[in-house]
Amino acid sequence: MAMAQRLKLKIQLYCGTEIAMGPGKADLLDAIAREGSISGAARTMDMSYRRAWLLTDAMNRCWGEPLVETAPGSAKGGGARVTPYGQAVLGHYRALQAKVHGTSDCADYAALAKAMLPEPRISQKS
């Protein structure tokens, strides 16, 4: 059974050679906001704490203000929160995603989907 043709459009915003925002980082911000910590967000996304921390650090280094603020763990708690600036960046990114995903109704998208084969041809190189 052949799969229907599909095009996947992914938005990645670059700061130099670093990805400042993309689908995974946006999902991580959502998870941090929901869980209140980087470690909790990492667990819900099935990623290591180190990976989540590195992605968060990259985001914080790429924008005019930090997207995530952290507080060290202690008897008073600790954790992380998405800053108001981070919420604004995330909101703009999600709005841009919605606009791009809405392009699937356009003629260009339909033309590309029609021109694409259901499966790649077998390579002629051996």
PDB file of N, CA and C in Angstrom:
ATOM      1  N   MET A   1       0.846  -1.180   0.000  1.00  0.00           N
ATOM      2  CA  MET A   1       0.000   0.000   0.000  1.00  0.00           C
ATOM      3  C   MET A   1       0.887   1.237   0.000  1.00  0.00           C
ATOM      4  N   ALA A   2       0.710   2.097  -0.979  1.00  0.00           N
ATOM      5  CA  ALA A   2       1.530   3.303  -1.100  1.00  0.00           C
ATOM      6  C   ALA A   2       1.019   4.387  -0.165  1.00  0.00           C
ATOM      7  N   MET A   3       1.971   5.076   0.455  1.00  0.00           N
ATOM      8  CA  MET A   3       1.604   6.200   1.317  1.00  0.00           C
ATOM      9  C   MET A   3       1.244   7.393   0.447  1.00  0.00           C
ATOM     10  N   ALA A   4       0.314   8.195   0.905  1.00  0.00           N
ATOM     11  CA  ALA A   4      -0.019   9.424   0.199  1.00  0.00           C
ATOM     12  C   ALA A   4       1.185  10.359   0.274  1.00  0.00           C
ATOM     13  N   GLN A   5       1.402  11.107  -0.805  1.00  0.00           N
ATOM     14  CA  GLN A   5       2.496  12.065  -0.789  1.00  0.00           C
ATOM     15  C   GLN A   5       2.248  13.090   0.308  1.00  0.00           C
ATOM     16  N   ARG A   6       3.332  13.479   0.945  1.00  0.00           N
ATOM     17  CA  ARG A   6       3.224  14.510   1.962  1.00  0.00           C
ATOM     18  C   ARG A   6       4.493  15.333   1.940  1.00  0.00           C
ATOM     19  N   LEU A   7       4.336  16.564   2.259  1.00  0.00           N
ATOM     20  CA  LEU A   7       5.470  17.457   2.393  1.00  0.00           C
ATOM     21  C   LEU A   7       5.512  17.906   3.841  1.00  0.00           C
ATOM     22  N   LYS A   8       6.693  17.892   4.407  1.00  0.00           N
ATOM     23  CA  LYS A   8       6.856  18.334   5.785  1.00  0.00           C
ATOM     24  C   LYS A   8       7.704  19.598   5.757  1.00  0.00           C
ATOM     25  N   LEU A   9       7.105  20.668   6.173  1.00  0.00           N
ATOM     26  CA  LEU A   9       7.815  21.934   6.235  1.00  0.00           C
ATOM     27  C   LEU A   9       8.215  22.178   7.682  1.00  0.00           C
ATOM     28  N   LYS A  10       9.498  22.410   7.894  1.00  0.00           N
ATOM     29  CA  LYS A  10      10.021  22.606   9.240  1.00  0.00           C
ATOM     30  C   LYS A  10      10.716  23.958   9.284  1.00  0.00           C
ATOM     31  N   ILE A  11      10.356  24.763  10.261  1.00  0.00           N
ATOM     32  CA  ILE A  11      10.945  26.089  10.398  1.00  0.00           C
ATOM     33  C   ILE A  11      12.063  26.025  11.421  1.00  0.00           C
ATOM     34  N   GLN A  12      13.250  26.433  11.003  1.00  0.00           N
ATOM     35  CA  GLN A  12      14.381  26.565  11.902  1.00  0.00           C
ATOM     36  C   GLN A  12      14.926  27.977  11.755  1.00  0.00           C
ATOM     37  N   LEU A  13      15.040  28.677  12.865  1.00  0.00           N
ATOM     38  CA  LEU A  13      15.586  30.031  12.875  1.00  0.00           C
ATOM     39  C   LEU A  13      17.021  29.946  13.365  1.00  0.00           C
ATOM     40  N   TYR A  14      17.940  30.521  12.594  1.00  0.00           N
ATOM     41  CA  TYR A  14      19.359  30.422  12.924  1.00  0.00           C
ATOM     42  C   TYR A  14      19.905  31.714  13.499  1.00  0.00           C
ATOM     43  N   CYS A  15      20.808  31.547  14.449  1.00  0.00           N
ATOM     44  CA  CYS A  15      21.598  32.621  15.038  1.00  0.00           C
ATOM     45  C   CYS A  15      23.043  32.219  14.729  1.00  0.00           C
ATOM     46  N   GLY A  16      23.621  32.775  13.680  1.00  0.00           N
ATOM     47  CA  GLY A  16      24.916  32.275  13.214  1.00  0.00           C
ATOM     48  C   GLY A  16      24.724  30.856  12.722  1.00  0.00           C
ATOM     49  N   THR A  17      25.494  29.930  13.245  1.00  0.00           N
ATOM     50  CA  THR A  17      25.358  28.524  12.844  1.00  0.00           C
ATOM     51  C   THR A  17      24.502  27.732  13.826  1.00  0.00           C
ATOM     52  N   GLU A  18      24.054  28.381  14.893  1.00  0.00           N
ATOM     53  CA  GLU A  18      23.249  27.733  15.943  1.00  0.00           C
ATOM     54  C   GLU A  18      21.764  27.840  15.608  1.00  0.00           C
ATOM     55  N   ILE A  19      21.017  26.761  15.821  1.00  0.00           N
ATOM     56  CA  ILE A  19      19.565  26.832  15.667  1.00  0.00           C
ATOM     57  C   ILE A  19      19.016  27.519  16.912  1.00  0.00           C
ATOM     58  N   ALA A  20      18.473  28.723  16.713  1.00  0.00           N
ATOM     59  CA  ALA A  20      17.929  29.508  17.824  1.00  0.00           C
ATOM     60  C   ALA A  20      16.547  29.017  18.210  1.00  0.00           C
ATOM     61  N   MET A  21      15.785  28.545  17.232  1.00  0.00           N
ATOM     62  CA  MET A  21      14.439  28.029  17.496  1.00  0.00           C
ATOM     63  C   MET A  21      14.067  27.093  16.360  1.00  0.00           C
ATOM     64  N   GLY A  22      13.465  25.989  16.748  1.00  0.00           N
ATOM     65  CA  GLY A  22      12.951  25.010  15.804  1.00  0.00           C
ATOM     66  C   GLY A  22      11.848  24.242  16.503  1.00  0.00           C
ATOM     67  N   PRO A  23      11.265  23.271  15.839  1.00  0.00           N
ATOM     68  CA  PRO A  23      10.152  22.532  16.446  1.00  0.00           C
ATOM     69  C   PRO A  23      10.502  21.873  17.773  1.00  0.00           C
ATOM     70  N   GLY A  24      11.660  21.262  17.871  1.00  0.00           N
ATOM     71  CA  GLY A  24      12.051  20.583  19.106  1.00  0.00           C
ATOM     72  C   GLY A  24      12.284  21.552  20.253  1.00  0.00           C
ATOM     73  N   LYS A  25      12.921  22.680  19.957  1.00  0.00           N
ATOM     74  CA  LYS A  25      13.165  23.667  21.006  1.00  0.00           C
ATOM     75  C   LYS A  25      11.860  24.309  21.459  1.00  0.00           C
ATOM     76  N   ALA A  26      10.942  24.526  20.527  1.00  0.00           N
ATOM     77  CA  ALA A  26       9.628  25.056  20.904  1.00  0.00           C
ATOM     78  C   ALA A  26       8.902  24.064  21.809  1.00  0.00           C
ATOM     79  N   ASP A  27       8.963  22.787  21.467  1.00  0.00           N
ATOM     80  CA  ASP A  27       8.342  21.758  22.316  1.00  0.00           C
ATOM     81  C   ASP A  27       9.002  21.712  23.692  1.00  0.00           C
ATOM     82  N   LEU A  28      10.319  21.900  23.732  1.00  0.00           N
ATOM     83  CA  LEU A  28      11.027  21.923  25.012  1.00  0.00           C
ATOM     84  C   LEU A  28      10.567  23.111  25.859  1.00  0.00           C
ATOM     85  N   LEU A  29      10.412  24.285  25.250  1.00  0.00           N
ATOM     86  CA  LEU A  29       9.905  25.441  25.997  1.00  0.00           C
ATOM     87  C   LEU A  29       8.520  25.158  26.562  1.00  0.00           C
ATOM     88  N   ASP A  30       7.655  24.558  25.758  1.00  0.00           N
ATOM     89  CA  ASP A  30       6.315  24.193  26.245  1.00  0.00           C
ATOM     90  C   ASP A  30       6.418  23.256  27.445  1.00  0.00           C
ATOM     91  N   ALA A  31       7.317  22.280  27.363  1.00  0.00           N
ATOM     92  CA  ALA A  31       7.467  21.304  28.440  1.00  0.00           C
ATOM     93  C   ALA A  31       8.041  21.958  29.706  1.00  0.00           C
ATOM     94  N   ILE A  32       8.985  22.877  29.550  1.00  0.00           N
ATOM     95  CA  ILE A  32       9.537  23.585  30.710  1.00  0.00           C
ATOM     96  C   ILE A  32       8.440  24.403  31.378  1.00  0.00           C
ATOM     97  N   ALA A  33       7.634  25.086  30.575  1.00  0.00           N
ATOM     98  CA  ALA A  33       6.533  25.887  31.127  1.00  0.00           C
ATOM     99  C   ALA A  33       5.553  24.992  31.893  1.00  0.00           C
ATOM    100  N   ARG A  34       5.284  23.824  31.350  1.00  0.00           N
ATOM    101  CA  ARG A  34       4.318  22.909  31.960  1.00  0.00           C
ATOM    102  C   ARG A  34       4.884  22.236  33.213  1.00  0.00           C
ATOM    103  N   GLU A  35       6.146  21.811  33.158  1.00  0.00           N
ATOM    104  CA  GLU A  35       6.756  21.017  34.232  1.00  0.00           C
ATOM    105  C   GLU A  35       7.434  21.860  35.301  1.00  0.00           C
ATOM    106  N   GLY A  36       7.837  23.071  34.962  1.00  0.00           N
ATOM    107  CA  GLY A  36       8.500  23.932  35.934  1.00  0.00           C
ATOM    108  C   GLY A  36       9.959  23.599  36.188  1.00  0.00           C
ATOM    109  N   SER A  37      10.522  22.746  35.338  1.00  0.00           N
ATOM    110  CA  SER A  37      11.943  22.425  35.470  1.00  0.00           C
ATOM    111  C   SER A  37      12.460  21.857  34.156  1.00  0.00           C
ATOM    112  N   ILE A  38      13.764  22.002  33.959  1.00  0.00           N
ATOM    113  CA  ILE A  38      14.389  21.434  32.765  1.00  0.00           C
ATOM    114  C   ILE A  38      14.419  19.914  32.880  1.00  0.00           C
ATOM    115  N   SER A  39      14.714  19.410  34.073  1.00  0.00           N
ATOM    116  CA  SER A  39      14.768  17.949  34.233  1.00  0.00           C
ATOM    117  C   SER A  39      13.393  17.322  34.027  1.00  0.00           C
ATOM    118  N   GLY A  40      12.355  17.952  34.547  1.00  0.00           N
ATOM    119  CA  GLY A  40      10.998  17.438  34.344  1.00  0.00           C
ATOM    120  C   GLY A  40      10.604  17.475  32.881  1.00  0.00           C
ATOM    121  N   ALA A  41      10.968  18.561  32.204  1.00  0.00           N
ATOM    122  CA  ALA A  41      10.682  18.670  30.766  1.00  0.00           C
ATOM    123  C   ALA A  41      11.414  17.583  29.999  1.00  0.00           C
ATOM    124  N   ALA A  42      12.683  17.358  30.362  1.00  0.00           N
ATOM    125  CA  ALA A  42      13.471  16.325  29.684  1.00  0.00           C
ATOM    126  C   ALA A  42      12.827  14.956  29.852  1.00  0.00           C
ATOM    127  N   ARG A  43      12.383  14.655  31.061  1.00  0.00           N
ATOM    128  CA  ARG A  43      11.737  13.353  31.306  1.00  0.00           C
ATOM    129  C   ARG A  43      10.498  13.177  30.433  1.00  0.00           C
ATOM    130  N   THR A  44       9.657  14.214  30.349  1.00  0.00           N
ATOM    131  CA  THR A  44       8.428  14.076  29.557  1.00  0.00           C
ATOM    132  C   THR A  44       8.715  13.949  28.070  1.00  0.00           C
ATOM    133  N   MET A  45       9.881  14.453  27.646  1.00  0.00           N
ATOM    134  CA  MET A  45      10.245  14.386  26.229  1.00  0.00           C
ATOM    135  C   MET A  45      11.169  13.213  25.926  1.00  0.00           C
ATOM    136  N   ASP A  46      11.437  12.392  26.955  1.00  0.00           N
ATOM    137  CA  ASP A  46      12.314  11.229  26.799  1.00  0.00           C
ATOM    138  C   ASP A  46      13.688  11.629  26.258  1.00  0.00           C
ATOM    139  N   MET A  47      14.266  12.688  26.861  1.00  0.00           N
ATOM    140  CA  MET A  47      15.616  13.105  26.496  1.00  0.00           C
ATOM    141  C   MET A  47      16.433  13.254  27.770  1.00  0.00           C
ATOM    142  N   SER A  48      17.722  13.255  27.630  1.00  0.00           N
ATOM    143  CA  SER A  48      18.579  13.401  28.801  1.00  0.00           C
ATOM    144  C   SER A  48      18.507  14.834  29.322  1.00  0.00           C
ATOM    145  N   TYR A  49      18.776  14.971  30.615  1.00  0.00           N
ATOM    146  CA  TYR A  49      18.823  16.305  31.204  1.00  0.00           C
ATOM    147  C   TYR A  49      19.893  17.129  30.505  1.00  0.00           C
ATOM    148  N   ARG A  50      21.043  16.531  30.240  1.00  0.00           N
ATOM    149  CA  ARG A  50      22.137  17.262  29.589  1.00  0.00           C
ATOM    150  C   ARG A  50      21.705  17.815  28.241  1.00  0.00           C
ATOM    151  N   ARG A  51      21.031  17.011  27.455  1.00  0.00           N
ATOM    152  CA  ARG A  51      20.564  17.466  26.130  1.00  0.00           C
ATOM    153  C   ARG A  51      19.584  18.630  26.290  1.00  0.00           C
ATOM    154  N   ALA A  52      18.647  18.503  27.215  1.00  0.00           N
ATOM    155  CA  ALA A  52      17.672  19.574  27.442  1.00  0.00           C
ATOM    156  C   ALA A  52      18.364  20.845  27.918  1.00  0.00           C
ATOM    157  N   TRP A  53      19.351  20.676  28.794  1.00  0.00           N
ATOM    158  CA  TRP A  53      20.072  21.841  29.297  1.00  0.00           C
ATOM    159  C   TRP A  53      20.854  22.516  28.171  1.00  0.00           C
ATOM    160  N   LEU A  54      21.516  21.727  27.319  1.00  0.00           N
ATOM    161  CA  LEU A  54      22.273  22.296  26.199  1.00  0.00           C
ATOM    162  C   LEU A  54      21.357  23.042  25.226  1.00  0.00           C
ATOM    163  N   LEU A  55      20.179  22.487  24.949  1.00  0.00           N
ATOM    164  CA  LEU A  55      19.228  23.166  24.057  1.00  0.00           C
ATOM    165  C   LEU A  55      18.734  24.462  24.686  1.00  0.00           C
ATOM    166  N   THR A  56      18.457  24.426  25.982  1.00  0.00           N
ATOM    167  CA  THR A  56      18.006  25.622  26.693  1.00  0.00           C
ATOM    168  C   THR A  56      19.103  26.680  26.691  1.00  0.00           C
ATOM    169  N   ASP A  57      20.328  26.274  26.951  1.00  0.00           N
ATOM    170  CA  ASP A  57      21.460  27.200  26.949  1.00  0.00           C
ATOM    171  C   ASP A  57      21.627  27.841  25.568  1.00  0.00           C
ATOM    172  N   ALA A  58      21.500  27.043  24.508  1.00  0.00           N
ATOM    173  CA  ALA A  58      21.617  27.584  23.150  1.00  0.00           C
ATOM    174  C   ALA A  58      20.540  28.629  22.891  1.00  0.00           C
ATOM    175  N   MET A  59      19.306  28.327  23.303  1.00  0.00           N
ATOM    176  CA  MET A  59      18.237  29.316  23.110  1.00  0.00           C
ATOM    177  C   MET A  59      18.545  30.599  23.876  1.00  0.00           C
ATOM    178  N   ASN A  60      18.970  30.470  25.110  1.00  0.00           N
ATOM    179  CA  ASN A  60      19.252  31.651  25.920  1.00  0.00           C
ATOM    180  C   ASN A  60      20.382  32.496  25.340  1.00  0.00           C
ATOM    181  N   ARG A  61      21.332  31.874  24.645  1.00  0.00           N
ATOM    182  CA  ARG A  61      22.454  32.599  24.060  1.00  0.00           C
ATOM    183  C   ARG A  61      22.110  33.256  22.736  1.00  0.00           C
ATOM    184  N   CYS A  62      21.005  32.852  22.116  1.00  0.00           N
ATOM    185  CA  CYS A  62      20.679  33.326  20.774  1.00  0.00           C
ATOM    186  C   CYS A  62      19.666  34.467  20.718  1.00  0.00           C
ATOM    187  N   TRP A  63      19.040  34.791  21.805  1.00  0.00           N
ATOM    188  CA  TRP A  63      17.995  35.812  21.787  1.00  0.00           C
ATOM    189  C   TRP A  63      18.408  37.015  22.622  1.00  0.00           C
ATOM    190  N   GLY A  64      17.744  38.137  22.399  1.00  0.00           N
ATOM    191  CA  GLY A  64      18.064  39.391  23.077  1.00  0.00           C
ATOM    192  C   GLY A  64      17.941  39.315  24.581  1.00  0.00           C
ATOM    193  N   GLU A  65      17.103  38.433  25.073  1.00  0.00           N
ATOM    194  CA  GLU A  65      16.921  38.190  26.503  1.00  0.00           C
ATOM    195  C   GLU A  65      16.783  36.688  26.702  1.00  0.00           C
ATOM    196  N   PRO A  66      17.024  36.196  27.922  1.00  0.00           N
ATOM    197  CA  PRO A  66      16.847  34.758  28.161  1.00  0.00           C
ATOM    198  C   PRO A  66      15.401  34.318  27.934  1.00  0.00           C
ATOM    199  N   LEU A  67      15.240  33.138  27.359  1.00  0.00           N
ATOM    200  CA  LEU A  67      13.911  32.553  27.180  1.00  0.00           C
ATOM    201  C   LEU A  67      13.519  31.739  28.405  1.00  0.00           C
ATOM    202  N   VAL A  68      14.529  31.245  29.130  1.00  0.00           N
ATOM    203  CA  VAL A  68      14.299  30.413  30.317  1.00  0.00           C
ATOM    204  C   VAL A  68      15.177  30.936  31.450  1.00  0.00           C
ATOM    205  N   GLU A  69      14.579  31.081  32.624  1.00  0.00           N
ATOM    206  CA  GLU A  69      15.332  31.417  33.834  1.00  0.00           C
ATOM    207  C   GLU A  69      15.337  30.190  34.727  1.00  0.00           C
ATOM    208  N   THR A  70      16.486  29.940  35.353  1.00  0.00           N
ATOM    209  CA  THR A  70      16.596  28.789  36.240  1.00  0.00           C
ATOM    210  C   THR A  70      16.940  29.252  37.646  1.00  0.00           C
ATOM    211  N   ALA A  71      16.551  28.442  38.604  1.00  0.00           N
ATOM    212  CA  ALA A  71      16.911  28.647  40.000  1.00  0.00           C
ATOM    213  C   ALA A  71      17.423  27.323  40.521  1.00  0.00           C
ATOM    214  N   PRO A  72      18.583  27.329  41.188  1.00  0.00           N
ATOM    215  CA  PRO A  72      19.123  26.057  41.673  1.00  0.00           C
ATOM    216  C   PRO A  72      18.188  25.400  42.674  1.00  0.00           C
ATOM    217  N   GLY A  73      18.179  24.097  42.676  1.00  0.00           N
ATOM    218  CA  GLY A  73      17.354  23.346  43.604  1.00  0.00           C
ATOM    219  C   GLY A  73      17.809  23.564  45.046  1.00  0.00           C
ATOM    220  N   SER A  74      16.867  23.635  45.944  1.00  0.00           N
ATOM    221  CA  SER A  74      17.170  23.803  47.365  1.00  0.00           C
ATOM    222  C   SER A  74      15.930  23.423  48.156  1.00  0.00           C
ATOM    223  N   ALA A  75      15.945  23.693  49.446  1.00  0.00           N
ATOM    224  CA  ALA A  75      14.765  23.411  50.269  1.00  0.00           C
ATOM    225  C   ALA A  75      13.582  24.250  49.811  1.00  0.00           C
ATOM    226  N   LYS A  76      13.877  25.393  49.185  1.00  0.00           N
ATOM    227  CA  LYS A  76      12.810  26.286  48.704  1.00  0.00           C
ATOM    228  C   LYS A  76      12.306  25.887  47.320  1.00  0.00           C
ATOM    229  N   GLY A  77      12.909  24.899  46.719  1.00  0.00           N
ATOM    230  CA  GLY A  77      12.418  24.456  45.415  1.00  0.00           C
ATOM    231  C   GLY A  77      13.469  24.559  44.339  1.00  0.00           C
ATOM    232  N   GLY A  78      13.414  25.593  43.537  1.00  0.00           N
ATOM    233  CA  GLY A  78      14.303  25.715  42.392  1.00  0.00           C
ATOM    234  C   GLY A  78      13.488  25.481  41.142  1.00  0.00           C
ATOM    235  N   GLY A  79      14.140  25.052  40.102  1.00  0.00           N
ATOM    236  CA  GLY A  79      13.440  24.755  38.862  1.00  0.00           C
ATOM    237  C   GLY A  79      13.720  25.756  37.775  1.00  0.00           C
ATOM    238  N   ALA A  80      12.813  25.842  36.828  1.00  0.00           N
ATOM    239  CA  ALA A  80      12.986  26.722  35.680  1.00  0.00           C
ATOM    240  C   ALA A  80      11.625  27.253  35.258  1.00  0.00           C
ATOM    241  N   ARG A  81      11.661  28.410  34.627  1.00  0.00           N
ATOM    242  CA  ARG A  81      10.427  28.979  34.083  1.00  0.00           C
ATOM    243  C   ARG A  81      10.736  29.656  32.766  1.00  0.00           C
ATOM    244  N   VAL A  82       9.767  29.631  31.883  1.00  0.00           N
ATOM    245  CA  VAL A  82       9.875  30.354  30.619  1.00  0.00           C
ATOM    246  C   VAL A  82       9.553  31.808  30.938  1.00  0.00           C
ATOM    247  N   THR A  83      10.446  32.696  30.552  1.00  0.00           N
ATOM    248  CA  THR A  83      10.273  34.118  30.832  1.00  0.00           C
ATOM    249  C   THR A  83       9.154  34.702  29.968  1.00  0.00           C
ATOM    250  N   PRO A  84       8.658  35.879  30.329  1.00  0.00           N
ATOM    251  CA  PRO A  84       7.681  36.538  29.457  1.00  0.00           C
ATOM    252  C   PRO A  84       8.242  36.743  28.038  1.00  0.00           C
ATOM    253  N   TYR A  85       9.517  37.073  27.939  1.00  0.00           N
ATOM    254  CA  TYR A  85      10.164  37.225  26.631  1.00  0.00           C
ATOM    255  C   TYR A  85      10.146  35.883  25.893  1.00  0.00           C
ATOM    256  N   GLY A  86      10.448  34.802  26.620  1.00  0.00           N
ATOM    257  CA  GLY A  86      10.414  33.466  26.030  1.00  0.00           C
ATOM    258  C   GLY A  86       9.022  33.088  25.569  1.00  0.00           C
ATOM    259  N   GLN A  87       8.002  33.442  26.350  1.00  0.00           N
ATOM    260  CA  GLN A  87       6.607  33.175  25.955  1.00  0.00           C
ATOM    261  C   GLN A  87       6.271  33.938  24.666  1.00  0.00           C
ATOM    262  N   ALA A  88       6.766  35.174  24.560  1.00  0.00           N
ATOM    263  CA  ALA A  88       6.503  35.971  23.347  1.00  0.00           C
ATOM    264  C   ALA A  88       7.187  35.344  22.131  1.00  0.00           C
ATOM    265  N   VAL A  89       8.463  34.955  22.282  1.00  0.00           N
ATOM    266  CA  VAL A  89       9.187  34.312  21.177  1.00  0.00           C
ATOM    267  C   VAL A  89       8.473  33.022  20.776  1.00  0.00           C
ATOM    268  N   LEU A  90       8.092  32.221  21.754  1.00  0.00           N
ATOM    269  CA  LEU A  90       7.391  30.965  21.481  1.00  0.00           C
ATOM    270  C   LEU A  90       6.061  31.229  20.770  1.00  0.00           C
ATOM    271  N   GLY A  91       5.330  32.231  21.219  1.00  0.00           N
ATOM    272  CA  GLY A  91       4.059  32.575  20.577  1.00  0.00           C
ATOM    273  C   GLY A  91       4.234  32.968  19.121  1.00  0.00           C
ATOM    274  N   HIS A  92       5.261  33.788  18.845  1.00  0.00           N
ATOM    275  CA  HIS A  92       5.521  34.187  17.454  1.00  0.00           C
ATOM    276  C   HIS A  92       5.938  32.982  16.608  1.00  0.00           C
ATOM    277  N   TYR A  93       6.757  32.114  17.185  1.00  0.00           N
ATOM    278  CA  TYR A  93       7.193  30.925  16.457  1.00  0.00           C
ATOM    279  C   TYR A  93       6.005  30.010  16.141  1.00  0.00           C
ATOM    280  N   ARG A  94       5.141  29.784  17.120  1.00  0.00           N
ATOM    281  CA  ARG A  94       3.963  28.925  16.902  1.00  0.00           C
ATOM    282  C   ARG A  94       3.025  29.548  15.869  1.00  0.00           C
ATOM    283  N   ALA A  95       2.886  30.865  15.873  1.00  0.00           N
ATOM    284  CA  ALA A  95       2.041  31.538  14.872  1.00  0.00           C
ATOM    285  C   ALA A  95       2.639  31.354  13.474  1.00  0.00           C
ATOM    286  N   LEU A  96       3.960  31.470  13.372  1.00  0.00           N
ATOM    287  CA  LEU A  96       4.628  31.256  12.088  1.00  0.00           C
ATOM    288  C   LEU A  96       4.442  29.817  11.621  1.00  0.00           C
ATOM    289  N   GLN A  97       4.560  28.859  12.547  1.00  0.00           N
ATOM    290  CA  GLN A  97       4.315  27.457  12.197  1.00  0.00           C
ATOM    291  C   GLN A  97       2.902  27.267  11.652  1.00  0.00           C
ATOM    292  N   ALA A  98       1.927  27.874  12.298  1.00  0.00           N
ATOM    293  CA  ALA A  98       0.535  27.732  11.867  1.00  0.00           C
ATOM    294  C   ALA A  98       0.347  28.283  10.455  1.00  0.00           C
ATOM    295  N   LYS A  99       0.988  29.407  10.167  1.00  0.00           N
ATOM    296  CA  LYS A  99       0.877  29.985   8.821  1.00  0.00           C
ATOM    297  C   LYS A  99       1.503  29.069   7.779  1.00  0.00           C
ATOM    298  N   VAL A 100       2.672  28.535   8.093  1.00  0.00           N
ATOM    299  CA  VAL A 100       3.357  27.653   7.145  1.00  0.00           C
ATOM    300  C   VAL A 100       2.557  26.372   6.940  1.00  0.00           C
ATOM    301  N   HIS A 101       2.028  25.806   8.008  1.00  0.00           N
ATOM    302  CA  HIS A 101       1.247  24.571   7.870  1.00  0.00           C
ATOM    303  C   HIS A 101      -0.052  24.834   7.116  1.00  0.00           C
ATOM    304  N   GLY A 102      -0.535  26.053   7.136  1.00  0.00           N
ATOM    305  CA  GLY A 102      -1.729  26.408   6.384  1.00  0.00           C
ATOM    306  C   GLY A 102      -1.492  26.475   4.884  1.00  0.00           C
ATOM    307  N   THR A 103      -0.207  26.435   4.468  1.00  0.00           N
ATOM    308  CA  THR A 103       0.097  26.514   3.041  1.00  0.00           C
ATOM    309  C   THR A 103      -0.205  25.215   2.310  1.00  0.00           C
ATOM    310  N   SER A 104      -0.565  24.153   3.035  1.00  0.00           N
ATOM    311  CA  SER A 104      -0.840  22.884   2.366  1.00  0.00           C
ATOM    312  C   SER A 104      -2.039  22.982   1.428  1.00  0.00           C
ATOM    313  N   ASP A 105      -2.823  24.045   1.560  1.00  0.00           N
ATOM    314  CA  ASP A 105      -3.948  24.260   0.654  1.00  0.00           C
ATOM    315  C   ASP A 105      -3.530  24.956  -0.641  1.00  0.00           C
ATOM    316  N   CYS A 106      -2.305  25.454  -0.713  1.00  0.00           N
ATOM    317  CA  CYS A 106      -1.910  26.266  -1.866  1.00  0.00           C
ATOM    318  C   CYS A 106      -1.540  25.407  -3.075  1.00  0.00           C
ATOM    319  N   ALA A 107      -1.577  26.019  -4.249  1.00  0.00           N
ATOM    320  CA  ALA A 107      -1.306  25.326  -5.505  1.00  0.00           C
ATOM    321  C   ALA A 107       0.125  24.806  -5.573  1.00  0.00           C
ATOM    322  N   ASP A 108       1.092  25.539  -5.037  1.00  0.00           N
ATOM    323  CA  ASP A 108       2.484  25.090  -5.072  1.00  0.00           C
ATOM    324  C   ASP A 108       2.669  23.800  -4.284  1.00  0.00           C
ATOM    325  N   TYR A 109       2.065  23.733  -3.121  1.00  0.00           N
ATOM    326  CA  TYR A 109       2.134  22.530  -2.293  1.00  0.00           C
ATOM    327  C   TYR A 109       1.520  21.362  -3.068  1.00  0.00           C
ATOM    328  N   ALA A 110       0.350  21.579  -3.654  1.00  0.00           N
ATOM    329  CA  ALA A 110      -0.331  20.524  -4.418  1.00  0.00           C
ATOM    330  C   ALA A 110       0.512  20.073  -5.604  1.00  0.00           C
ATOM    331  N   ALA A 111       1.149  21.017  -6.298  1.00  0.00           N
ATOM    332  CA  ALA A 111       1.982  20.676  -7.454  1.00  0.00           C
ATOM    333  C   ALA A 111       3.186  19.832  -7.030  1.00  0.00           C
ATOM    334  N   LEU A 112       3.821  20.204  -5.917  1.00  0.00           N
ATOM    335  CA  LEU A 112       4.959  19.430  -5.431  1.00  0.00           C
ATOM    336  C   LEU A 112       4.529  18.031  -4.993  1.00  0.00           C
ATOM    337  N   ALA A 113       3.410  17.940  -4.283  1.00  0.00           N
ATOM    338  CA  ALA A 113       2.910  16.638  -3.840  1.00  0.00           C
ATOM    339  C   ALA A 113       2.585  15.742  -5.030  1.00  0.00           C
ATOM    340  N   LYS A 114       2.029  16.318  -6.084  1.00  0.00           N
ATOM    341  CA  LYS A 114       1.671  15.547  -7.282  1.00  0.00           C
ATOM    342  C   LYS A 114       2.918  15.075  -8.019  1.00  0.00           C
ATOM    343  N   ALA A 115       3.955  15.891  -8.045  1.00  0.00           N
ATOM    344  CA  ALA A 115       5.174  15.557  -8.782  1.00  0.00           C
ATOM    345  C   ALA A 115       6.046  14.531  -8.054  1.00  0.00           C
ATOM    346  N   MET A 116       5.856  14.388  -6.756  1.00  0.00           N
ATOM    347  CA  MET A 116       6.693  13.493  -5.965  1.00  0.00           C
ATOM    348  C   MET A 116       6.272  12.036  -6.155  1.00  0.00           C
ATOM    349  N   LEU A 117       7.261  11.152  -6.278  1.00  0.00           N
ATOM    350  CA  LEU A 117       6.989   9.720  -6.364  1.00  0.00           C
ATOM    351  C   LEU A 117       6.577   9.190  -4.996  1.00  0.00           C
ATOM    352  N   PRO A 118       5.808   8.089  -4.952  1.00  0.00           N
ATOM    353  CA  PRO A 118       5.419   7.519  -3.662  1.00  0.00           C
ATOM    354  C   PRO A 118       6.617   6.919  -2.911  1.00  0.00           C
ATOM    355  N   GLU A 119       7.607   6.437  -3.635  1.00  0.00           N
ATOM    356  CA  GLU A 119       8.823   5.852  -3.063  1.00  0.00           C
ATOM    357  C   GLU A 119       9.985   6.259  -3.945  1.00  0.00           C
ATOM    358  N   PRO A 120      11.201   6.355  -3.392  1.00  0.00           N
ATOM    359  CA  PRO A 120      12.356   6.685  -4.240  1.00  0.00           C
ATOM    360  C   PRO A 120      12.683   5.542  -5.206  1.00  0.00           C
ATOM    361  N   ARG A 121      13.210   5.907  -6.354  1.00  0.00           N
ATOM    362  CA  ARG A 121      13.679   4.911  -7.286  1.00  0.00           C
ATOM    363  C   ARG A 121      14.888   4.197  -6.691  1.00  0.00           C
ATOM    364  N   ILE A 122      15.163   3.003  -7.183  1.00  0.00           N
ATOM    365  CA  ILE A 122      16.341   2.250  -6.757  1.00  0.00           C
ATOM    366  C   ILE A 122      17.565   2.948  -7.347  1.00  0.00           C
ATOM    367  N   SER A 123      18.576   3.110  -6.530  1.00  0.00           N
ATOM    368  CA  SER A 123      19.800   3.794  -6.940  1.00  0.00           C
ATOM    369  C   SER A 123      20.464   3.061  -8.098  1.00  0.00           C
ATOM    370  N   GLN A 124      20.985   3.831  -9.041  1.00  0.00           N
ATOM    371  CA  GLN A 124      21.706   3.259 -10.186  1.00  0.00           C
ATOM    372  C   GLN A 124      23.178   3.018  -9.854  1.00  0.00           C
ATOM    373  N   LYS A 125      23.610   3.560  -8.706  1.00  0.00           N
ATOM    374  CA  LYS A 125      25.016   3.386  -8.301  1.00  0.00           C
ATOM    375  C   LYS A 125      25.154   2.073  -7.537  1.00  0.00           C
ATOM    376  N   SER A 126      26.282   1.412  -7.769  1.00  0.00           N
ATOM    377  CA  SER A 126      26.507   0.182  -7.010  1.00  0.00           C
ATOM    378  C   SER A 126      27.729   0.260  -6.153  1.00  0.00           C
TER     379      SER A 126
END
